[in-house]
PDB file of N, CA and C in Angstrom:
ATOM      1  N   MET A   1      31.393 -41.030  29.899  1.00  0.00           N
ATOM      2  CA  MET A   1      30.292 -39.427  29.959  1.00  0.00           C
ATOM      3  C   MET A   1      29.006 -40.254  30.739  1.00  0.00           C
ATOM      4  N   PRO A   2      28.308 -39.480  32.036  1.00  0.00           N
ATOM      5  CA  PRO A   2      27.074 -40.337  31.523  1.00  0.00           C
ATOM      6  C   PRO A   2      25.886 -40.146  30.940  1.00  0.00           C
ATOM      7  N   HIS A   3      24.869 -41.307  30.384  1.00  0.00           N
ATOM      8  CA  HIS A   3      23.852 -41.156  29.832  1.00  0.00           C
ATOM      9  C   HIS A   3      23.380 -39.369  30.111  1.00  0.00           C
ATOM     10  N   ARG A   4      22.671 -39.302  29.170  1.00  0.00           N
ATOM     11  CA  ARG A   4      21.894 -37.989  29.355  1.00  0.00           C
ATOM     12  C   ARG A   4      20.371 -38.082  30.130  1.00  0.00           C
ATOM     13  N   ALA A   5      20.449 -39.097  31.064  1.00  0.00           N
ATOM     14  CA  ALA A   5      19.039 -39.715  31.795  1.00  0.00           C
ATOM     15  C   ALA A   5      19.711 -39.298  33.107  1.00  0.00           C
ATOM     16  N   ASP A   6      20.743 -39.609  33.342  1.00  0.00           N
ATOM     17  CA  ASP A   6      21.764 -39.534  34.628  1.00  0.00           C
ATOM     18  C   ASP A   6      22.255 -38.056  34.722  1.00  0.00           C
ATOM     19  N   ARG A   7      22.616 -37.495  33.926  1.00  0.00           N
ATOM     20  CA  ARG A   7      23.100 -36.173  33.973  1.00  0.00           C
ATOM     21  C   ARG A   7      21.352 -35.233  33.856  1.00  0.00           C
ATOM     22  N   ILE A   8      20.482 -35.501  33.387  1.00  0.00           N
ATOM     23  CA  ILE A   8      19.163 -34.810  33.744  1.00  0.00           C
ATOM     24  C   ILE A   8      18.937 -34.570  35.077  1.00  0.00           C
ATOM     25  N   HIS A   9      19.324 -36.044  35.782  1.00  0.00           N
ATOM     26  CA  HIS A   9      18.548 -36.356  37.009  1.00  0.00           C
ATOM     27  C   HIS A   9      19.159 -35.827  38.313  1.00  0.00           C
ATOM     28  N   ALA A  10      20.851 -35.791  37.912  1.00  0.00           N
ATOM     29  CA  ALA A  10      21.758 -35.474  38.780  1.00  0.00           C
ATOM     30  C   ALA A  10      21.209 -33.839  38.755  1.00  0.00           C
ATOM     31  N   ALA A  11      21.287 -32.933  37.768  1.00  0.00           N
ATOM     32  CA  ALA A  11      20.686 -31.845  37.711  1.00  0.00           C
ATOM     33  C   ALA A  11      19.360 -31.478  37.952  1.00  0.00           C
ATOM     34  N   LEU A  12      18.361 -31.842  37.893  1.00  0.00           N
ATOM     35  CA  LEU A  12      17.244 -31.680  38.806  1.00  0.00           C
ATOM     36  C   LEU A  12      17.095 -32.114  40.355  1.00  0.00           C
ATOM     37  N   THR A  13      18.091 -33.029  40.325  1.00  0.00           N
ATOM     38  CA  THR A  13      18.470 -33.542  41.846  1.00  0.00           C
ATOM     39  C   THR A  13      19.009 -32.231  43.012  1.00  0.00           C
ATOM     40  N   GLN A  14      20.212 -31.434  41.948  1.00  0.00           N
ATOM     41  CA  GLN A  14      20.859 -30.679  43.067  1.00  0.00           C
ATOM     42  C   GLN A  14      19.815 -29.488  42.463  1.00  0.00           C
ATOM     43  N   GLY A  15      19.109 -28.834  41.806  1.00  0.00           N
ATOM     44  CA  GLY A  15      18.653 -28.032  41.654  1.00  0.00           C
ATOM     45  C   GLY A  15      16.984 -27.995  42.201  1.00  0.00           C
ATOM     46  N   PHE A  16      16.194 -28.820  42.982  1.00  0.00           N
ATOM     47  CA  PHE A  16      15.051 -28.904  43.574  1.00  0.00           C
ATOM     48  C   PHE A  16      14.730 -29.321  44.822  1.00  0.00           C
ATOM     49  N   ALA A  17      15.930 -30.699  45.069  1.00  0.00           N
ATOM     50  CA  ALA A  17      15.919 -31.574  46.131  1.00  0.00           C
ATOM     51  C   ALA A  17      14.394 -32.208  46.407  1.00  0.00           C
ATOM     52  N   PRO A  18      14.612 -33.341  44.515  1.00  0.00           N
ATOM     53  CA  PRO A  18      12.839 -33.839  44.879  1.00  0.00           C
ATOM     54  C   PRO A  18      12.706 -35.023  45.735  1.00  0.00           C
ATOM     55  N   LEU A  19      11.273 -34.789  46.418  1.00  0.00           N
ATOM     56  CA  LEU A  19      10.756 -35.599  46.816  1.00  0.00           C
ATOM     57  C   LEU A  19      10.634 -37.156  46.287  1.00  0.00           C
ATOM     58  N   ARG A  20      10.588 -37.108  44.755  1.00  0.00           N
ATOM     59  CA  ARG A  20       9.839 -37.922  44.030  1.00  0.00           C
ATOM     60  C   ARG A  20      10.757 -37.226  42.212  1.00  0.00           C
ATOM     61  N   LEU A  21      11.416 -38.613  41.881  1.00  0.00           N
ATOM     62  CA  LEU A  21      12.077 -37.314  40.379  1.00  0.00           C
ATOM     63  C   LEU A  21      12.072 -39.039  39.867  1.00  0.00           C
ATOM     64  N   GLU A  22      11.376 -38.671  38.230  1.00  0.00           N
ATOM     65  CA  GLU A  22      11.665 -40.160  37.561  1.00  0.00           C
ATOM     66  C   GLU A  22      11.632 -39.417  36.386  1.00  0.00           C
ATOM     67  N   VAL A  23      12.801 -39.755  35.650  1.00  0.00           N
ATOM     68  CA  VAL A  23      13.547 -39.401  34.015  1.00  0.00           C
ATOM     69  C   VAL A  23      13.289 -40.944  33.158  1.00  0.00           C
ATOM     70  N   VAL A  24      12.309 -40.472  32.143  1.00  0.00           N
ATOM     71  CA  VAL A  24      12.187 -41.603  31.096  1.00  0.00           C
ATOM     72  C   VAL A  24      12.805 -41.103  29.867  1.00  0.00           C
ATOM     73  N   ASP A  25      13.338 -41.826  29.207  1.00  0.00           N
ATOM     74  CA  ASP A  25      13.966 -42.168  27.816  1.00  0.00           C
ATOM     75  C   ASP A  25      12.706 -42.544  27.144  1.00  0.00           C
ATOM     76  N   ASP A  26      12.328 -41.248  26.160  1.00  0.00           N
ATOM     77  CA  ASP A  26      11.379 -41.582  25.386  1.00  0.00           C
ATOM     78  C   ASP A  26      11.569 -41.549  23.996  1.00  0.00           C
ATOM     79  N   SER A  27      13.188 -41.296  23.820  1.00  0.00           N
ATOM     80  CA  SER A  27      13.353 -41.054  22.274  1.00  0.00           C
ATOM     81  C   SER A  27      12.970 -42.049  21.106  1.00  0.00           C
ATOM     82  N   HIS A  28      12.761 -43.158  21.811  1.00  0.00           N
ATOM     83  CA  HIS A  28      12.765 -44.348  20.803  1.00  0.00           C
ATOM     84  C   HIS A  28      11.287 -44.009  20.062  1.00  0.00           C
ATOM     85  N   GLN A  29      10.437 -43.596  20.736  1.00  0.00           N
ATOM     86  CA  GLN A  29       8.525 -43.154  20.111  1.00  0.00           C
ATOM     87  C   GLN A  29       9.029 -41.992  19.028  1.00  0.00           C
ATOM     88  N   HIS A  30       9.965 -40.982  18.588  1.00  0.00           N
ATOM     89  CA  HIS A  30       9.708 -40.291  18.389  1.00  0.00           C
ATOM     90  C   HIS A  30      11.026 -40.518  17.108  1.00  0.00           C
ATOM     91  N   ALA A  31      11.301 -41.584  16.935  1.00  0.00           N
ATOM     92  CA  ALA A  31      12.726 -41.824  15.687  1.00  0.00           C
ATOM     93  C   ALA A  31      11.798 -41.361  14.205  1.00  0.00           C
ATOM     94  N   GLY A  32      12.792 -40.477  13.638  1.00  0.00           N
ATOM     95  CA  GLY A  32      11.844 -39.767  12.240  1.00  0.00           C
ATOM     96  C   GLY A  32      11.372 -37.897  12.468  1.00  0.00           C
ATOM     97  N   HIS A  33      11.114 -38.329  13.667  1.00  0.00           N
ATOM     98  CA  HIS A  33      10.517 -37.092  14.001  1.00  0.00           C
ATOM     99  C   HIS A  33      11.815 -35.965  13.937  1.00  0.00           C
ATOM    100  N   ALA A  34      11.085 -34.442  14.094  1.00  0.00           N
ATOM    101  CA  ALA A  34      12.068 -33.139  14.307  1.00  0.00           C
ATOM    102  C   ALA A  34      13.039 -33.256  15.182  1.00  0.00           C
ATOM    103  N   GLY A  35      14.111 -32.619  15.904  1.00  0.00           N
ATOM    104  CA  GLY A  35      15.325 -33.096  16.844  1.00  0.00           C
ATOM    105  C   GLY A  35      14.844 -34.694  17.450  1.00  0.00           C
ATOM    106  N   ALA A  36      14.824 -35.508  16.734  1.00  0.00           N
ATOM    107  CA  ALA A  36      15.599 -37.438  16.691  1.00  0.00           C
ATOM    108  C   ALA A  36      16.199 -37.484  16.805  1.00  0.00           C
ATOM    109  N   ALA A  37      17.564 -38.205  17.254  1.00  0.00           N
ATOM    110  CA  ALA A  37      19.013 -38.408  16.836  1.00  0.00           C
ATOM    111  C   ALA A  37      18.814 -39.994  16.645  1.00  0.00           C
ATOM    112  N   PRO A  38      19.844 -40.188  15.886  1.00  0.00           N
ATOM    113  CA  PRO A  38      20.053 -42.103  15.809  1.00  0.00           C
ATOM    114  C   PRO A  38      20.144 -42.433  16.905  1.00  0.00           C
ATOM    115  N   GLY A  39      21.092 -41.722  17.728  1.00  0.00           N
ATOM    116  CA  GLY A  39      21.611 -42.056  18.942  1.00  0.00           C
ATOM    117  C   GLY A  39      20.361 -42.038  20.391  1.00  0.00           C
ATOM    118  N   GLY A  40      19.453 -41.590  19.711  1.00  0.00           N
ATOM    119  CA  GLY A  40      18.410 -41.451  21.375  1.00  0.00           C
ATOM    120  C   GLY A  40      18.740 -40.379  21.788  1.00  0.00           C
ATOM    121  N   GLU A  41      18.344 -40.049  23.463  1.00  0.00           N
ATOM    122  CA  GLU A  41      18.568 -39.435  23.915  1.00  0.00           C
ATOM    123  C   GLU A  41      18.342 -37.847  24.051  1.00  0.00           C
ATOM    124  N   THR A  42      17.049 -37.969  22.985  1.00  0.00           N
ATOM    125  CA  THR A  42      16.741 -36.281  23.254  1.00  0.00           C
ATOM    126  C   THR A  42      15.261 -36.327  23.340  1.00  0.00           C
ATOM    127  N   HIS A  43      14.410 -36.544  23.735  1.00  0.00           N
ATOM    128  CA  HIS A  43      13.338 -36.525  24.116  1.00  0.00           C
ATOM    129  C   HIS A  43      12.825 -37.878  25.130  1.00  0.00           C
ATOM    130  N   TYR A  44      12.238 -36.612  26.450  1.00  0.00           N
ATOM    131  CA  TYR A  44      12.244 -37.144  27.865  1.00  0.00           C
ATOM    132  C   TYR A  44      10.625 -37.119  28.525  1.00  0.00           C
ATOM    133  N   SER A  45      10.415 -37.761  29.476  1.00  0.00           N
ATOM    134  CA  SER A  45       9.530 -37.486  30.097  1.00  0.00           C
ATOM    135  C   SER A  45      10.025 -37.361  31.917  1.00  0.00           C
ATOM    136  N   VAL A  46       9.688 -36.432  32.020  1.00  0.00           N
ATOM    137  CA  VAL A  46      10.073 -36.186  33.815  1.00  0.00           C
ATOM    138  C   VAL A  46       8.832 -36.173  35.035  1.00  0.00           C
ATOM    139  N   LEU A  47       8.996 -36.740  35.478  1.00  0.00           N
ATOM    140  CA  LEU A  47       7.937 -36.034  36.833  1.00  0.00           C
ATOM    141  C   LEU A  47       8.583 -36.508  38.386  1.00  0.00           C
ATOM    142  N   LEU A  48       8.432 -34.805  38.820  1.00  0.00           N
ATOM    143  CA  LEU A  48       9.286 -34.291  39.758  1.00  0.00           C
ATOM    144  C   LEU A  48       8.237 -33.089  40.781  1.00  0.00           C
ATOM    145  N   VAL A  49       8.250 -34.324  42.176  1.00  0.00           N
ATOM    146  CA  VAL A  49       8.009 -33.409  43.137  1.00  0.00           C
ATOM    147  C   VAL A  49       8.913 -32.846  43.905  1.00  0.00           C
ATOM    148  N   SER A  50       8.632 -31.557  43.934  1.00  0.00           N
ATOM    149  CA  SER A  50       9.015 -30.721  44.778  1.00  0.00           C
ATOM    150  C   SER A  50       8.806 -29.531  45.700  1.00  0.00           C
ATOM    151  N   GLU A  51       9.200 -29.578  46.785  1.00  0.00           N
ATOM    152  CA  GLU A  51       8.557 -27.978  47.514  1.00  0.00           C
ATOM    153  C   GLU A  51       9.028 -27.093  46.797  1.00  0.00           C
ATOM    154  N   ALA A  52      10.341 -27.078  46.485  1.00  0.00           N
ATOM    155  CA  ALA A  52      10.585 -26.008  45.543  1.00  0.00           C
ATOM    156  C   ALA A  52       9.134 -24.978  44.278  1.00  0.00           C
ATOM    157  N   PHE A  53       8.426 -26.087  44.269  1.00  0.00           N
ATOM    158  CA  PHE A  53       7.370 -25.467  43.435  1.00  0.00           C
ATOM    159  C   PHE A  53       6.218 -25.419  43.956  1.00  0.00           C
ATOM    160  N   THR A  54       6.685 -25.521  45.197  1.00  0.00           N
ATOM    161  CA  THR A  54       5.110 -24.912  46.089  1.00  0.00           C
ATOM    162  C   THR A  54       4.822 -23.627  46.086  1.00  0.00           C
ATOM    163  N   GLY A  55       3.385 -22.600  45.502  1.00  0.00           N
ATOM    164  CA  GLY A  55       3.400 -21.375  45.150  1.00  0.00           C
ATOM    165  C   GLY A  55       3.684 -20.927  43.748  1.00  0.00           C
ATOM    166  N   MET A  56       4.088 -22.027  43.230  1.00  0.00           N
ATOM    167  CA  MET A  56       4.858 -21.717  41.564  1.00  0.00           C
ATOM    168  C   MET A  56       3.837 -21.788  40.448  1.00  0.00           C
ATOM    169  N   ASN A  57       3.173 -21.099  39.568  1.00  0.00           N
ATOM    170  CA  ASN A  57       1.989 -21.613  38.541  1.00  0.00           C
ATOM    171  C   ASN A  57       2.754 -22.598  37.959  1.00  0.00           C
ATOM    172  N   ARG A  58       1.936 -23.246  36.563  1.00  0.00           N
ATOM    173  CA  ARG A  58       3.121 -24.329  35.417  1.00  0.00           C
ATOM    174  C   ARG A  58       3.923 -23.697  34.650  1.00  0.00           C
ATOM    175  N   VAL A  59       4.120 -22.333  34.273  1.00  0.00           N
ATOM    176  CA  VAL A  59       4.570 -21.920  33.245  1.00  0.00           C
ATOM    177  C   VAL A  59       6.041 -21.557  34.232  1.00  0.00           C
ATOM    178  N   ALA A  60       5.968 -20.935  35.450  1.00  0.00           N
ATOM    179  CA  ALA A  60       7.425 -20.864  36.379  1.00  0.00           C
ATOM    180  C   ALA A  60       8.293 -21.791  36.631  1.00  0.00           C
ATOM    181  N   ARG A  61       7.359 -23.511  36.976  1.00  0.00           N
ATOM    182  CA  ARG A  61       7.606 -24.267  37.322  1.00  0.00           C
ATOM    183  C   ARG A  61       8.235 -25.060  36.215  1.00  0.00           C
ATOM    184  N   SER A  62       8.100 -24.846  35.068  1.00  0.00           N
ATOM    185  CA  SER A  62       8.334 -25.177  33.870  1.00  0.00           C
ATOM    186  C   SER A  62      10.103 -24.900  32.679  1.00  0.00           C
ATOM    187  N   ARG A  63       9.990 -23.307  33.003  1.00  0.00           N
ATOM    188  CA  ARG A  63      10.500 -22.622  32.847  1.00  0.00           C
ATOM    189  C   ARG A  63      12.204 -22.730  34.015  1.00  0.00           C
ATOM    190  N   ALA A  64      11.613 -23.094  35.586  1.00  0.00           N
ATOM    191  CA  ALA A  64      12.679 -23.449  36.114  1.00  0.00           C
ATOM    192  C   ALA A  64      13.141 -24.581  35.863  1.00  0.00           C
ATOM    193  N   VAL A  65      12.574 -26.157  35.472  1.00  0.00           N
ATOM    194  CA  VAL A  65      13.566 -26.680  35.234  1.00  0.00           C
ATOM    195  C   VAL A  65      14.121 -26.415  33.685  1.00  0.00           C
ATOM    196  N   HIS A  66      13.370 -25.660  32.981  1.00  0.00           N
ATOM    197  CA  HIS A  66      14.502 -25.526  31.625  1.00  0.00           C
ATOM    198  C   HIS A  66      15.770 -24.878  31.756  1.00  0.00           C
ATOM    199  N   ALA A  67      15.487 -23.633  33.214  1.00  0.00           N
ATOM    200  CA  ALA A  67      16.825 -23.264  33.095  1.00  0.00           C
ATOM    201  C   ALA A  67      17.707 -24.094  34.072  1.00  0.00           C
ATOM    202  N   ALA A  68      17.188 -25.075  34.896  1.00  0.00           N
ATOM    203  CA  ALA A  68      18.201 -26.157  35.023  1.00  0.00           C
ATOM    204  C   ALA A  68      18.752 -27.119  34.130  1.00  0.00           C
ATOM    205  N   LEU A  69      18.278 -27.141  32.803  1.00  0.00           N
ATOM    206  CA  LEU A  69      18.909 -28.454  32.301  1.00  0.00           C
ATOM    207  C   LEU A  69      19.218 -27.175  30.553  1.00  0.00           C
ATOM    208  N   THR A  70      19.938 -25.922  30.769  1.00  0.00           N
ATOM    209  CA  THR A  70      20.367 -25.234  29.860  1.00  0.00           C
ATOM    210  C   THR A  70      21.641 -26.346  28.871  1.00  0.00           C
ATOM    211  N   GLU A  71      22.356 -26.475  29.583  1.00  0.00           N
ATOM    212  CA  GLU A  71      23.111 -27.185  29.264  1.00  0.00           C
ATOM    213  C   GLU A  71      23.085 -28.192  27.752  1.00  0.00           C
ATOM    214  N   GLU A  72      21.956 -29.610  28.564  1.00  0.00           N
ATOM    215  CA  GLU A  72      21.598 -30.836  28.579  1.00  0.00           C
ATOM    216  C   GLU A  72      21.027 -30.026  26.850  1.00  0.00           C
ATOM    217  N   PHE A  73      20.407 -29.047  26.528  1.00  0.00           N
ATOM    218  CA  PHE A  73      19.188 -28.744  25.309  1.00  0.00           C
ATOM    219  C   PHE A  73      20.570 -28.052  24.372  1.00  0.00           C
ATOM    220  N   ALA A  74      21.626 -27.206  24.852  1.00  0.00           N
ATOM    221  CA  ALA A  74      22.519 -27.289  24.130  1.00  0.00           C
ATOM    222  C   ALA A  74      23.507 -28.126  23.325  1.00  0.00           C
ATOM    223  N   GLY A  75      22.998 -28.770  24.213  1.00  0.00           N
ATOM    224  CA  GLY A  75      24.016 -30.172  24.181  1.00  0.00           C
ATOM    225  C   GLY A  75      23.130 -31.438  23.276  1.00  0.00           C
ATOM    226  N   GLY A  76      21.897 -30.965  22.954  1.00  0.00           N
ATOM    227  CA  GLY A  76      21.089 -31.942  21.757  1.00  0.00           C
ATOM    228  C   GLY A  76      19.621 -32.865  22.494  1.00  0.00           C
ATOM    229  N   LEU A  77      19.633 -32.419  23.981  1.00  0.00           N
ATOM    230  CA  LEU A  77      18.144 -32.627  24.556  1.00  0.00           C
ATOM    231  C   LEU A  77      17.035 -31.890  23.351  1.00  0.00           C
ATOM    232  N   HIS A  78      16.321 -32.166  22.989  1.00  0.00           N
ATOM    233  CA  HIS A  78      15.028 -31.730  21.944  1.00  0.00           C
ATOM    234  C   HIS A  78      13.781 -31.058  23.123  1.00  0.00           C
ATOM    235  N   ALA A  79      13.348 -32.056  23.719  1.00  0.00           N
ATOM    236  CA  ALA A  79      12.093 -32.581  23.947  1.00  0.00           C
ATOM    237  C   ALA A  79      11.413 -33.024  25.299  1.00  0.00           C
ATOM    238  N   LEU A  80      10.666 -32.151  26.197  1.00  0.00           N
ATOM    239  CA  LEU A  80      10.726 -32.581  27.827  1.00  0.00           C
ATOM    240  C   LEU A  80       9.277 -32.604  28.038  1.00  0.00           C
ATOM    241  N   ALA A  81       8.746 -33.788  28.237  1.00  0.00           N
ATOM    242  CA  ALA A  81       7.468 -33.806  28.772  1.00  0.00           C
ATOM    243  C   ALA A  81       7.138 -33.958  30.128  1.00  0.00           C
ATOM    244  N   LEU A  82       6.828 -32.815  31.162  1.00  0.00           N
ATOM    245  CA  LEU A  82       7.031 -32.369  32.184  1.00  0.00           C
ATOM    246  C   LEU A  82       5.272 -32.581  33.038  1.00  0.00           C
ATOM    247  N   THR A  83       6.511 -33.064  34.364  1.00  0.00           N
ATOM    248  CA  THR A  83       4.382 -33.800  35.054  1.00  0.00           C
ATOM    249  C   THR A  83       5.204 -33.044  36.508  1.00  0.00           C
ATOM    250  N   LEU A  84       5.321 -31.985  37.054  1.00  0.00           N
ATOM    251  CA  LEU A  84       5.921 -30.648  38.150  1.00  0.00           C
ATOM    252  C   LEU A  84       4.987 -30.664  38.566  1.00  0.00           C
ATOM    253  N   ARG A  85       5.264 -30.841  40.418  1.00  0.00           N
ATOM    254  CA  ARG A  85       4.006 -30.890  41.071  1.00  0.00           C
ATOM    255  C   ARG A  85       4.570 -30.487  42.858  1.00  0.00           C
ATOM    256  N   ALA A  86       3.830 -29.848  43.732  1.00  0.00           N
ATOM    257  CA  ALA A  86       4.826 -29.578  44.788  1.00  0.00           C
ATOM    258  C   ALA A  86       3.741 -30.845  45.708  1.00  0.00           C
ATOM    259  N   PRO A  87       4.717 -30.943  46.698  1.00  0.00           N
ATOM    260  CA  PRO A  87       4.074 -32.442  47.582  1.00  0.00           C
ATOM    261  C   PRO A  87       2.523 -31.959  47.989  1.00  0.00           C
ATOM    262  N   SER A  88       1.714 -31.174  48.058  1.00  0.00           N
ATOM    263  CA  SER A  88       0.754 -30.799  48.535  1.00  0.00           C
ATOM    264  C   SER A  88      -0.479 -30.893  47.415  1.00  0.00           C
ATOM    265  N   GLU A  89       0.176 -31.344  46.237  1.00  0.00           N
ATOM    266  CA  GLU A  89      -0.637 -31.617  45.458  1.00  0.00           C
ATOM    267  C   GLU A  89      -0.494 -33.195  45.027  1.00  0.00           C
ATOM    268  N   ILE A  90       0.017 -33.776  45.494  1.00  0.00           N
ATOM    269  CA  ILE A  90      -0.360 -35.460  45.457  1.00  0.00           C
ATOM    270  C   ILE A  90      -0.681 -35.947  46.467  1.00  0.00           C
ATOM    271  N   GLY A  91      -2.068 -37.147  46.026  1.00  0.00           N
ATOM    272  CA  GLY A  91      -2.672 -37.614  46.276  1.00  0.00           C
ATOM    273  C   GLY A  91      -2.426 -38.756  46.777  1.00  0.00           C
TER     274      GLY A  91
END
C-alpha cells in the first residue's frame, strides 16, 4: 500500500489537475499531540495551485480539498496545513 503522502498527491492530482502540488509529512513535528500516531502519516502541509480555485474563496477551496481526501481522514489523517491558490495569485 502506498504511503499516505502518495495517496494524497494522487487524489489531489485527480481532483484538481494542479499546476503545482507539494505534499509534506509534518507528523514528526506533532509527536505527542492529539491525533498524532506513533507511525506518523497524520499531519501534512499541502501547497496546491490549480485553475479549479479560480473564483473560489478560501473556505470553499479548503472544503473542496477536504472532500477530495474524505477517505484519508477516515483512515487516520488528522490535520492539513493548506496553501491553496489560483494561478493568477502566484507571483
